[in-house]
N, C-alpha and C. Protein backbone atom coordinates (compact mmCIF):
# COMPACT_ATOMS: atom_id res chain seq x y z
N MET A 1 0.86 -1.19 0.00
CA MET A 1 0.00 0.00 0.00
C MET A 1 0.89 1.23 0.00
N GLY A 2 0.55 2.22 -0.83
CA GLY A 2 1.33 3.45 -0.92
C GLY A 2 0.96 4.45 0.14
N ALA A 3 1.65 5.56 0.14
CA ALA A 3 1.40 6.61 1.12
C ALA A 3 0.03 7.25 0.88
N HIS A 4 -0.63 7.59 1.96
CA HIS A 4 -1.93 8.25 1.91
C HIS A 4 -1.81 9.64 2.49
N LEU A 5 -2.73 10.51 2.09
CA LEU A 5 -2.86 11.83 2.69
C LEU A 5 -4.06 11.81 3.62
N TYR A 6 -3.88 12.38 4.81
CA TYR A 6 -4.94 12.50 5.80
C TYR A 6 -5.11 13.97 6.15
N LEU A 7 -6.34 14.40 6.31
CA LEU A 7 -6.64 15.72 6.86
C LEU A 7 -6.97 15.49 8.32
N VAL A 8 -6.17 16.06 9.20
CA VAL A 8 -6.30 15.84 10.64
C VAL A 8 -6.68 17.16 11.32
N ALA A 9 -7.73 17.12 12.13
CA ALA A 9 -8.14 18.29 12.92
C ALA A 9 -7.43 18.23 14.27
N LEU A 10 -6.98 19.40 14.74
CA LEU A 10 -6.31 19.52 16.02
C LEU A 10 -7.06 20.51 16.89
N GLY A 11 -7.17 20.21 18.18
CA GLY A 11 -7.79 21.13 19.12
C GLY A 11 -7.16 21.00 20.49
N SER A 12 -7.13 22.11 21.22
CA SER A 12 -6.61 22.13 22.59
C SER A 12 -7.26 23.27 23.34
N ASN A 13 -7.62 23.02 24.60
CA ASN A 13 -8.08 24.13 25.44
C ASN A 13 -7.56 24.01 26.87
N VAL A 14 -6.48 23.29 27.04
CA VAL A 14 -5.85 23.14 28.35
C VAL A 14 -4.36 23.43 28.22
N ARG A 15 -3.85 24.18 29.13
CA ARG A 15 -2.42 24.49 29.17
C ARG A 15 -1.63 23.21 29.44
N HIS A 16 -0.51 23.06 28.77
CA HIS A 16 0.36 21.90 28.96
C HIS A 16 1.57 22.33 29.79
N PRO A 17 2.00 21.51 30.76
CA PRO A 17 3.12 21.93 31.62
C PRO A 17 4.43 22.18 30.87
N ARG A 18 4.64 21.51 29.77
CA ARG A 18 5.88 21.70 29.01
C ARG A 18 5.72 22.70 27.86
N TYR A 19 4.61 22.62 27.13
CA TYR A 19 4.44 23.43 25.93
C TYR A 19 3.73 24.75 26.16
N GLY A 20 2.97 24.85 27.24
CA GLY A 20 2.31 26.10 27.55
C GLY A 20 0.87 26.18 27.10
N ALA A 21 0.48 27.35 26.61
CA ALA A 21 -0.91 27.64 26.23
C ALA A 21 -1.35 26.76 25.06
N PRO A 22 -2.67 26.63 24.86
CA PRO A 22 -3.19 25.77 23.79
C PRO A 22 -2.60 26.03 22.40
N ARG A 23 -2.35 27.28 22.04
CA ARG A 23 -1.73 27.56 20.73
C ARG A 23 -0.36 26.89 20.63
N ALA A 24 0.40 26.97 21.70
CA ALA A 24 1.73 26.35 21.71
C ALA A 24 1.62 24.82 21.71
N VAL A 25 0.58 24.29 22.34
CA VAL A 25 0.34 22.85 22.31
C VAL A 25 0.15 22.40 20.86
N LEU A 26 -0.63 23.16 20.08
CA LEU A 26 -0.85 22.79 18.68
C LEU A 26 0.43 22.89 17.87
N ARG A 27 1.25 23.88 18.14
CA ARG A 27 2.53 23.97 17.42
C ARG A 27 3.39 22.74 17.73
N ALA A 28 3.40 22.30 18.98
CA ALA A 28 4.15 21.09 19.35
C ALA A 28 3.52 19.86 18.71
N ALA A 29 2.20 19.84 18.62
CA ALA A 29 1.51 18.71 17.98
C ALA A 29 1.84 18.64 16.49
N PHE A 30 1.98 19.80 15.82
CA PHE A 30 2.41 19.79 14.42
C PHE A 30 3.75 19.06 14.29
N ALA A 31 4.66 19.34 15.20
CA ALA A 31 5.97 18.68 15.17
C ALA A 31 5.82 17.17 15.39
N ALA A 32 4.92 16.77 16.28
CA ALA A 32 4.69 15.35 16.55
C ALA A 32 4.07 14.66 15.33
N LEU A 33 3.34 15.41 14.51
CA LEU A 33 2.75 14.85 13.30
C LEU A 33 3.77 14.75 12.15
N ASP A 34 5.02 15.01 12.45
CA ASP A 34 6.09 14.96 11.46
C ASP A 34 7.21 14.04 11.93
N ARG A 35 6.83 12.97 12.62
CA ARG A 35 7.81 12.02 13.16
C ARG A 35 7.34 10.59 12.89
N GLY A 36 8.31 9.69 12.88
CA GLY A 36 7.99 8.27 12.73
C GLY A 36 7.31 8.01 11.40
N PRO A 37 6.15 7.32 11.45
CA PRO A 37 5.48 6.98 10.19
C PRO A 37 4.66 8.13 9.60
N LEU A 38 4.72 9.31 10.23
CA LEU A 38 3.92 10.45 9.79
C LEU A 38 4.81 11.55 9.22
N GLN A 39 4.32 12.18 8.16
CA GLN A 39 5.04 13.31 7.57
C GLN A 39 4.06 14.47 7.43
N LEU A 40 4.34 15.57 8.12
CA LEU A 40 3.52 16.77 8.02
C LEU A 40 3.76 17.41 6.66
N VAL A 41 2.69 17.57 5.89
CA VAL A 41 2.79 18.16 4.56
C VAL A 41 2.50 19.65 4.63
N ARG A 42 1.41 20.02 5.29
CA ARG A 42 1.02 21.43 5.47
C ARG A 42 0.24 21.56 6.75
N ALA A 43 0.32 22.74 7.34
CA ALA A 43 -0.44 23.05 8.54
C ALA A 43 -1.15 24.38 8.36
N ALA A 44 -2.40 24.43 8.77
CA ALA A 44 -3.17 25.67 8.71
C ALA A 44 -2.80 26.55 9.89
N ARG A 45 -3.12 27.84 9.76
CA ARG A 45 -2.94 28.76 10.90
C ARG A 45 -3.84 28.32 12.05
N VAL A 46 -3.36 28.51 13.25
CA VAL A 46 -4.14 28.20 14.45
C VAL A 46 -5.15 29.32 14.66
N ILE A 47 -6.39 28.94 14.96
CA ILE A 47 -7.44 29.92 15.27
C ILE A 47 -7.97 29.65 16.67
N GLU A 48 -8.61 30.63 17.27
CA GLU A 48 -9.26 30.46 18.57
C GLU A 48 -10.76 30.44 18.37
N THR A 49 -11.44 29.52 19.06
CA THR A 49 -12.88 29.36 18.89
C THR A 49 -13.56 29.14 20.24
N ALA A 50 -14.84 29.41 20.24
CA ALA A 50 -15.66 29.15 21.43
C ALA A 50 -15.79 27.64 21.62
N PRO A 51 -15.96 27.20 22.86
CA PRO A 51 -16.07 25.76 23.12
C PRO A 51 -17.42 25.20 22.68
N LEU A 52 -17.43 23.90 22.39
CA LEU A 52 -18.66 23.15 22.19
C LEU A 52 -18.96 22.43 23.50
N GLY A 53 -20.20 22.26 23.82
CA GLY A 53 -20.55 21.50 25.02
C GLY A 53 -20.30 22.28 26.30
N PRO A 54 -20.08 21.54 27.40
CA PRO A 54 -20.01 22.18 28.72
C PRO A 54 -18.70 22.90 29.05
N SER A 55 -17.65 22.68 28.28
CA SER A 55 -16.38 23.32 28.59
C SER A 55 -16.53 24.84 28.49
N ARG A 56 -15.85 25.57 29.36
CA ARG A 56 -15.89 27.03 29.33
C ARG A 56 -14.64 27.65 28.73
N ARG A 57 -13.65 26.82 28.51
CA ARG A 57 -12.38 27.32 27.99
C ARG A 57 -12.40 27.39 26.47
N ARG A 58 -11.86 28.48 25.94
CA ARG A 58 -11.77 28.64 24.49
C ARG A 58 -10.76 27.64 23.93
N TYR A 59 -10.97 27.27 22.69
CA TYR A 59 -10.10 26.31 22.03
C TYR A 59 -9.15 26.99 21.06
N ALA A 60 -7.99 26.39 20.91
CA ALA A 60 -7.11 26.64 19.78
C ALA A 60 -7.39 25.49 18.82
N ASN A 61 -7.66 25.82 17.55
CA ASN A 61 -7.97 24.80 16.55
C ASN A 61 -7.13 25.00 15.31
N ALA A 62 -6.87 23.91 14.60
CA ALA A 62 -6.16 23.95 13.33
C ALA A 62 -6.41 22.63 12.62
N VAL A 63 -5.91 22.53 11.41
CA VAL A 63 -5.90 21.27 10.68
C VAL A 63 -4.53 21.10 10.05
N ALA A 64 -4.22 19.84 9.72
CA ALA A 64 -2.94 19.53 9.08
C ALA A 64 -3.16 18.47 8.03
N LEU A 65 -2.37 18.55 6.96
CA LEU A 65 -2.29 17.48 5.98
C LEU A 65 -1.09 16.63 6.37
N VAL A 66 -1.34 15.34 6.54
CA VAL A 66 -0.29 14.42 6.98
C VAL A 66 -0.21 13.26 5.99
N ARG A 67 1.00 12.93 5.56
CA ARG A 67 1.23 11.79 4.67
C ARG A 67 1.71 10.61 5.51
N SER A 68 1.20 9.42 5.20
CA SER A 68 1.60 8.23 5.94
C SER A 68 1.26 6.97 5.16
N ASP A 69 2.03 5.92 5.38
CA ASP A 69 1.72 4.61 4.84
C ASP A 69 0.69 3.89 5.72
N CYS A 70 0.30 4.50 6.82
CA CYS A 70 -0.64 3.88 7.75
C CYS A 70 -2.02 3.71 7.12
N THR A 71 -2.65 2.59 7.46
CA THR A 71 -4.07 2.41 7.13
C THR A 71 -4.86 3.31 8.08
N PRO A 72 -6.13 3.57 7.81
CA PRO A 72 -6.90 4.41 8.74
C PRO A 72 -6.87 3.93 10.20
N PRO A 73 -7.06 2.63 10.49
CA PRO A 73 -6.96 2.22 11.91
C PRO A 73 -5.57 2.45 12.50
N GLU A 74 -4.52 2.24 11.69
CA GLU A 74 -3.17 2.50 12.17
C GLU A 74 -2.95 4.00 12.40
N MET A 75 -3.50 4.82 11.51
CA MET A 75 -3.39 6.27 11.67
C MET A 75 -4.10 6.70 12.95
N LEU A 76 -5.29 6.19 13.19
CA LEU A 76 -6.00 6.51 14.42
C LEU A 76 -5.17 6.11 15.64
N HIS A 77 -4.54 4.97 15.58
CA HIS A 77 -3.67 4.52 16.68
C HIS A 77 -2.51 5.51 16.88
N GLU A 78 -1.90 5.96 15.78
CA GLU A 78 -0.81 6.94 15.89
C GLU A 78 -1.30 8.25 16.52
N LEU A 79 -2.48 8.71 16.12
CA LEU A 79 -3.02 9.94 16.70
C LEU A 79 -3.31 9.77 18.19
N HIS A 80 -3.86 8.62 18.57
CA HIS A 80 -4.11 8.36 20.00
C HIS A 80 -2.80 8.29 20.78
N ARG A 81 -1.76 7.73 20.15
CA ARG A 81 -0.45 7.66 20.80
C ARG A 81 0.09 9.08 21.05
N ILE A 82 -0.05 9.96 20.06
CA ILE A 82 0.41 11.34 20.22
C ILE A 82 -0.40 12.04 21.32
N GLU A 83 -1.72 11.88 21.30
CA GLU A 83 -2.56 12.48 22.36
C GLU A 83 -2.10 12.02 23.74
N ALA A 84 -1.84 10.73 23.88
CA ALA A 84 -1.40 10.18 25.18
C ALA A 84 -0.06 10.77 25.59
N ALA A 85 0.85 10.95 24.63
CA ALA A 85 2.15 11.54 24.93
C ALA A 85 2.02 12.98 25.42
N PHE A 86 0.94 13.66 25.02
CA PHE A 86 0.66 15.02 25.47
C PHE A 86 -0.14 15.04 26.77
N GLY A 87 -0.46 13.87 27.31
CA GLY A 87 -1.18 13.80 28.58
C GLY A 87 -2.67 13.57 28.47
N ARG A 88 -3.18 13.32 27.28
CA ARG A 88 -4.62 13.08 27.10
C ARG A 88 -4.98 11.72 27.66
N ARG A 89 -6.02 11.71 28.45
CA ARG A 89 -6.59 10.47 28.97
C ARG A 89 -7.99 10.34 28.41
N ARG A 90 -8.31 9.22 27.82
CA ARG A 90 -9.60 9.04 27.16
C ARG A 90 -10.67 8.60 28.14
N MET A 91 -10.73 9.24 29.27
CA MET A 91 -11.78 9.01 30.24
C MET A 91 -12.40 10.36 30.57
N GLY A 92 -13.57 10.33 31.10
CA GLY A 92 -14.17 11.60 31.49
C GLY A 92 -15.27 12.03 30.55
N ALA A 93 -15.72 13.23 30.75
CA ALA A 93 -16.86 13.76 30.01
C ALA A 93 -16.54 13.99 28.54
N ARG A 94 -17.50 13.64 27.71
CA ARG A 94 -17.40 13.97 26.30
C ARG A 94 -17.53 15.49 26.18
N TRP A 95 -16.81 16.08 25.23
CA TRP A 95 -16.83 17.52 25.00
C TRP A 95 -16.13 18.29 26.12
N GLY A 96 -15.42 17.61 26.99
CA GLY A 96 -14.76 18.29 28.09
C GLY A 96 -13.44 18.92 27.67
N ALA A 97 -12.80 19.59 28.61
CA ALA A 97 -11.51 20.21 28.38
C ALA A 97 -10.48 19.12 28.06
N ARG A 98 -9.56 19.45 27.18
CA ARG A 98 -8.52 18.48 26.84
C ARG A 98 -7.26 19.19 26.38
N VAL A 99 -6.14 18.57 26.70
CA VAL A 99 -4.87 19.16 26.32
C VAL A 99 -4.66 19.02 24.81
N LEU A 100 -5.10 17.92 24.20
CA LEU A 100 -4.94 17.73 22.76
C LEU A 100 -5.98 16.76 22.24
N ASP A 101 -6.61 17.15 21.16
CA ASP A 101 -7.58 16.29 20.48
C ASP A 101 -7.17 16.24 19.01
N LEU A 102 -6.99 15.04 18.49
CA LEU A 102 -6.62 14.84 17.09
C LEU A 102 -7.67 13.93 16.45
N ASP A 103 -8.25 14.39 15.35
CA ASP A 103 -9.28 13.62 14.65
C ASP A 103 -8.96 13.51 13.17
N ILE A 104 -9.17 12.31 12.62
CA ILE A 104 -9.09 12.15 11.17
C ILE A 104 -10.37 12.72 10.60
N VAL A 105 -10.25 13.70 9.72
CA VAL A 105 -11.41 14.32 9.08
C VAL A 105 -11.67 13.65 7.73
N LEU A 106 -10.64 13.58 6.89
CA LEU A 106 -10.73 12.98 5.56
C LEU A 106 -9.43 12.23 5.29
N TRP A 107 -9.48 11.35 4.30
CA TRP A 107 -8.26 10.75 3.78
C TRP A 107 -8.44 10.55 2.29
N ASP A 108 -7.36 10.33 1.57
CA ASP A 108 -7.46 10.24 0.12
C ASP A 108 -8.06 8.94 -0.37
N GLY A 109 -8.45 8.06 0.52
CA GLY A 109 -9.05 6.79 0.14
C GLY A 109 -10.57 6.82 0.09
N GLY A 110 -11.18 7.99 0.30
CA GLY A 110 -12.63 8.11 0.24
C GLY A 110 -13.31 7.79 1.56
N ALA A 111 -14.52 7.27 1.48
CA ALA A 111 -15.26 6.92 2.70
C ALA A 111 -14.68 5.63 3.29
N TYR A 112 -14.71 5.56 4.62
CA TYR A 112 -14.14 4.41 5.32
C TYR A 112 -14.90 4.25 6.63
N ALA A 113 -15.24 3.02 6.98
CA ALA A 113 -15.92 2.79 8.25
C ALA A 113 -15.58 1.42 8.79
N VAL A 114 -15.10 1.39 10.02
CA VAL A 114 -14.93 0.18 10.82
C VAL A 114 -15.37 0.55 12.22
N SER A 115 -15.52 -0.42 13.07
CA SER A 115 -15.94 -0.14 14.44
C SER A 115 -15.03 0.90 15.09
N GLY A 116 -15.62 2.01 15.53
CA GLY A 116 -14.87 3.05 16.22
C GLY A 116 -14.19 4.07 15.32
N LEU A 117 -14.32 3.94 14.00
CA LEU A 117 -13.68 4.89 13.09
C LEU A 117 -14.53 5.07 11.84
N THR A 118 -14.92 6.31 11.60
CA THR A 118 -15.66 6.65 10.39
C THR A 118 -14.99 7.84 9.73
N ILE A 119 -14.67 7.68 8.45
CA ILE A 119 -14.10 8.76 7.65
C ILE A 119 -15.00 8.92 6.44
N PRO A 120 -15.46 10.13 6.14
CA PRO A 120 -15.14 11.39 6.79
C PRO A 120 -15.73 11.47 8.20
N HIS A 121 -15.10 12.32 9.00
CA HIS A 121 -15.58 12.56 10.36
C HIS A 121 -17.04 12.97 10.28
N ALA A 122 -17.85 12.39 11.13
CA ALA A 122 -19.31 12.56 11.06
C ALA A 122 -19.77 14.01 11.16
N ALA A 123 -19.07 14.85 11.92
CA ALA A 123 -19.56 16.21 12.17
C ALA A 123 -18.78 17.30 11.45
N PHE A 124 -17.81 16.95 10.63
CA PHE A 124 -16.93 18.01 10.10
C PHE A 124 -17.67 19.01 9.22
N ARG A 125 -18.75 18.62 8.58
CA ARG A 125 -19.48 19.52 7.68
C ARG A 125 -20.18 20.64 8.44
N GLN A 126 -20.38 20.48 9.74
CA GLN A 126 -21.05 21.48 10.57
C GLN A 126 -20.08 22.26 11.44
N ARG A 127 -18.81 22.10 11.25
CA ARG A 127 -17.82 22.72 12.13
C ARG A 127 -16.95 23.72 11.37
N ASP A 128 -17.27 25.00 11.57
CA ASP A 128 -16.48 26.03 10.89
C ASP A 128 -15.05 26.07 11.40
N PHE A 129 -14.81 25.60 12.64
CA PHE A 129 -13.46 25.58 13.18
C PHE A 129 -12.61 24.48 12.54
N VAL A 130 -13.23 23.59 11.79
CA VAL A 130 -12.50 22.61 10.98
C VAL A 130 -12.45 23.09 9.52
N LEU A 131 -13.61 23.45 8.98
CA LEU A 131 -13.68 23.84 7.57
C LEU A 131 -12.90 25.12 7.26
N GLY A 132 -12.93 26.09 8.17
CA GLY A 132 -12.20 27.34 7.94
C GLY A 132 -10.71 27.10 7.77
N PRO A 133 -10.05 26.47 8.74
CA PRO A 133 -8.63 26.17 8.55
C PRO A 133 -8.37 25.20 7.39
N ALA A 134 -9.26 24.23 7.19
CA ALA A 134 -9.07 23.25 6.11
C ALA A 134 -9.06 23.91 4.75
N ARG A 135 -9.83 24.96 4.60
CA ARG A 135 -9.89 25.65 3.32
C ARG A 135 -8.56 26.32 3.00
N GLN A 136 -7.76 26.65 4.02
CA GLN A 136 -6.44 27.24 3.79
C GLN A 136 -5.48 26.27 3.10
N ILE A 137 -5.59 24.99 3.43
CA ILE A 137 -4.58 24.02 2.97
C ILE A 137 -5.14 22.91 2.09
N ALA A 138 -6.45 22.76 2.03
CA ALA A 138 -7.04 21.66 1.25
C ALA A 138 -8.42 22.04 0.72
N GLY A 139 -8.57 23.28 0.30
CA GLY A 139 -9.88 23.79 -0.11
C GLY A 139 -10.53 23.04 -1.26
N ASP A 140 -9.73 22.45 -2.14
CA ASP A 140 -10.28 21.73 -3.28
C ASP A 140 -10.58 20.26 -2.99
N TRP A 141 -10.21 19.79 -1.78
CA TRP A 141 -10.44 18.40 -1.44
C TRP A 141 -11.95 18.16 -1.34
N ARG A 142 -12.43 17.09 -1.93
CA ARG A 142 -13.86 16.79 -1.96
C ARG A 142 -14.27 15.83 -0.85
N ASP A 143 -15.41 16.13 -0.27
CA ASP A 143 -16.07 15.23 0.68
C ASP A 143 -16.57 14.04 -0.15
N PRO A 144 -16.15 12.81 0.18
CA PRO A 144 -16.58 11.67 -0.64
C PRO A 144 -18.07 11.35 -0.53
N ILE A 145 -18.74 11.88 0.46
CA ILE A 145 -20.17 11.61 0.63
C ILE A 145 -21.01 12.61 -0.18
N SER A 146 -20.75 13.90 0.01
CA SER A 146 -21.56 14.92 -0.68
C SER A 146 -21.00 15.29 -2.06
N GLY A 147 -19.72 15.04 -2.29
CA GLY A 147 -19.08 15.45 -3.53
C GLY A 147 -18.67 16.91 -3.54
N LEU A 148 -18.97 17.64 -2.48
CA LEU A 148 -18.64 19.07 -2.40
C LEU A 148 -17.20 19.26 -1.92
N THR A 149 -16.58 20.35 -2.39
CA THR A 149 -15.24 20.68 -1.91
C THR A 149 -15.34 21.31 -0.52
N ILE A 150 -14.21 21.39 0.13
CA ILE A 150 -14.17 22.06 1.44
C ILE A 150 -14.58 23.52 1.29
N TYR A 151 -14.14 24.17 0.20
CA TYR A 151 -14.58 25.55 -0.06
C TYR A 151 -16.11 25.63 -0.09
N GLN A 152 -16.74 24.73 -0.82
CA GLN A 152 -18.19 24.73 -0.94
C GLN A 152 -18.88 24.43 0.38
N LEU A 153 -18.35 23.47 1.13
CA LEU A 153 -18.94 23.14 2.44
C LEU A 153 -18.87 24.33 3.38
N PHE A 154 -17.72 25.03 3.39
CA PHE A 154 -17.56 26.20 4.25
C PHE A 154 -18.52 27.30 3.84
N ALA A 155 -18.65 27.53 2.54
CA ALA A 155 -19.57 28.57 2.06
C ALA A 155 -21.01 28.24 2.46
N ARG A 156 -21.41 27.00 2.32
CA ARG A 156 -22.77 26.61 2.72
C ARG A 156 -22.99 26.79 4.22
N LEU A 157 -21.97 26.47 5.00
CA LEU A 157 -22.10 26.57 6.45
C LEU A 157 -22.18 28.02 6.91
N THR A 158 -21.45 28.90 6.27
CA THR A 158 -21.32 30.28 6.77
C THR A 158 -22.19 31.29 6.04
N ARG A 159 -22.77 30.97 4.91
CA ARG A 159 -23.47 31.99 4.11
C ARG A 159 -24.74 32.54 4.74
N ASN A 160 -25.40 31.79 5.57
CA ASN A 160 -26.67 32.26 6.15
C ASN A 160 -26.51 32.81 7.56
N ARG A 161 -25.29 33.00 7.98
CA ARG A 161 -25.07 33.56 9.31
C ARG A 161 -25.33 35.05 9.30
N PRO A 162 -25.96 35.57 10.34
CA PRO A 162 -26.16 37.03 10.38
C PRO A 162 -24.83 37.74 10.58
N LEU A 163 -24.78 38.97 10.09
CA LEU A 163 -23.58 39.78 10.29
C LEU A 163 -23.47 40.14 11.77
N PRO A 164 -22.25 40.30 12.26
CA PRO A 164 -22.09 40.77 13.63
C PRO A 164 -22.82 42.11 13.80
N ARG A 165 -23.33 42.37 14.98
CA ARG A 165 -24.14 43.57 15.22
C ARG A 165 -23.40 44.84 14.81
N ALA A 166 -22.14 44.93 15.07
CA ALA A 166 -21.39 46.15 14.75
C ALA A 166 -21.33 46.39 13.24
N ALA A 167 -21.45 45.32 12.45
CA ALA A 167 -21.36 45.48 11.00
C ALA A 167 -22.72 45.60 10.33
N THR A 168 -23.78 45.55 11.09
CA THR A 168 -25.12 45.62 10.53
C THR A 168 -25.50 47.08 10.29
N TRP A 169 -26.06 47.35 9.11
CA TRP A 169 -26.50 48.69 8.78
C TRP A 169 -27.76 49.01 9.54
N SER A 170 -27.81 50.15 10.18
CA SER A 170 -28.97 50.50 11.00
C SER A 170 -29.85 51.56 10.36
N GLY A 171 -29.55 51.94 9.15
CA GLY A 171 -30.39 52.90 8.45
C GLY A 171 -29.95 54.34 8.67
N PRO A 172 -30.62 55.31 8.00
CA PRO A 172 -30.22 56.73 8.10
C PRO A 172 -30.52 57.34 9.45
């Protein structure tokens, strides 16, 4: 099997004792995605976003294109290994605070599903914190389910949002 490209989402909202604030955690995670069987091809700029769920801490989010000979289950194992090296424990509340979260969003092999792993990621089409950064580095990549590009998915997600109050015209 040849090398595959994976689009990986990164998130952090907990300070790390060695790397520091969540933005720095993601920079260190980019380096970890460029070791061993993984090769970092491109990384999007890190953005800050509001939390989903009960967490109150803001997130640092980004995406990366990673090349690897790993199959999707092997890639997931590598991502879990990196999370564990950063101190992530897979226990506790879903949507809770975490030092590092790595998710496979897409891969160049199309749709894929086995127990515990579904590609494309089930919720990525509704997450501007994934689609926004992904459009920087993989905007032409197509969702194998809808056939739409990341550019198109982002446009659909964001086009009906109201303008921020400060930018709304209030009349004469």
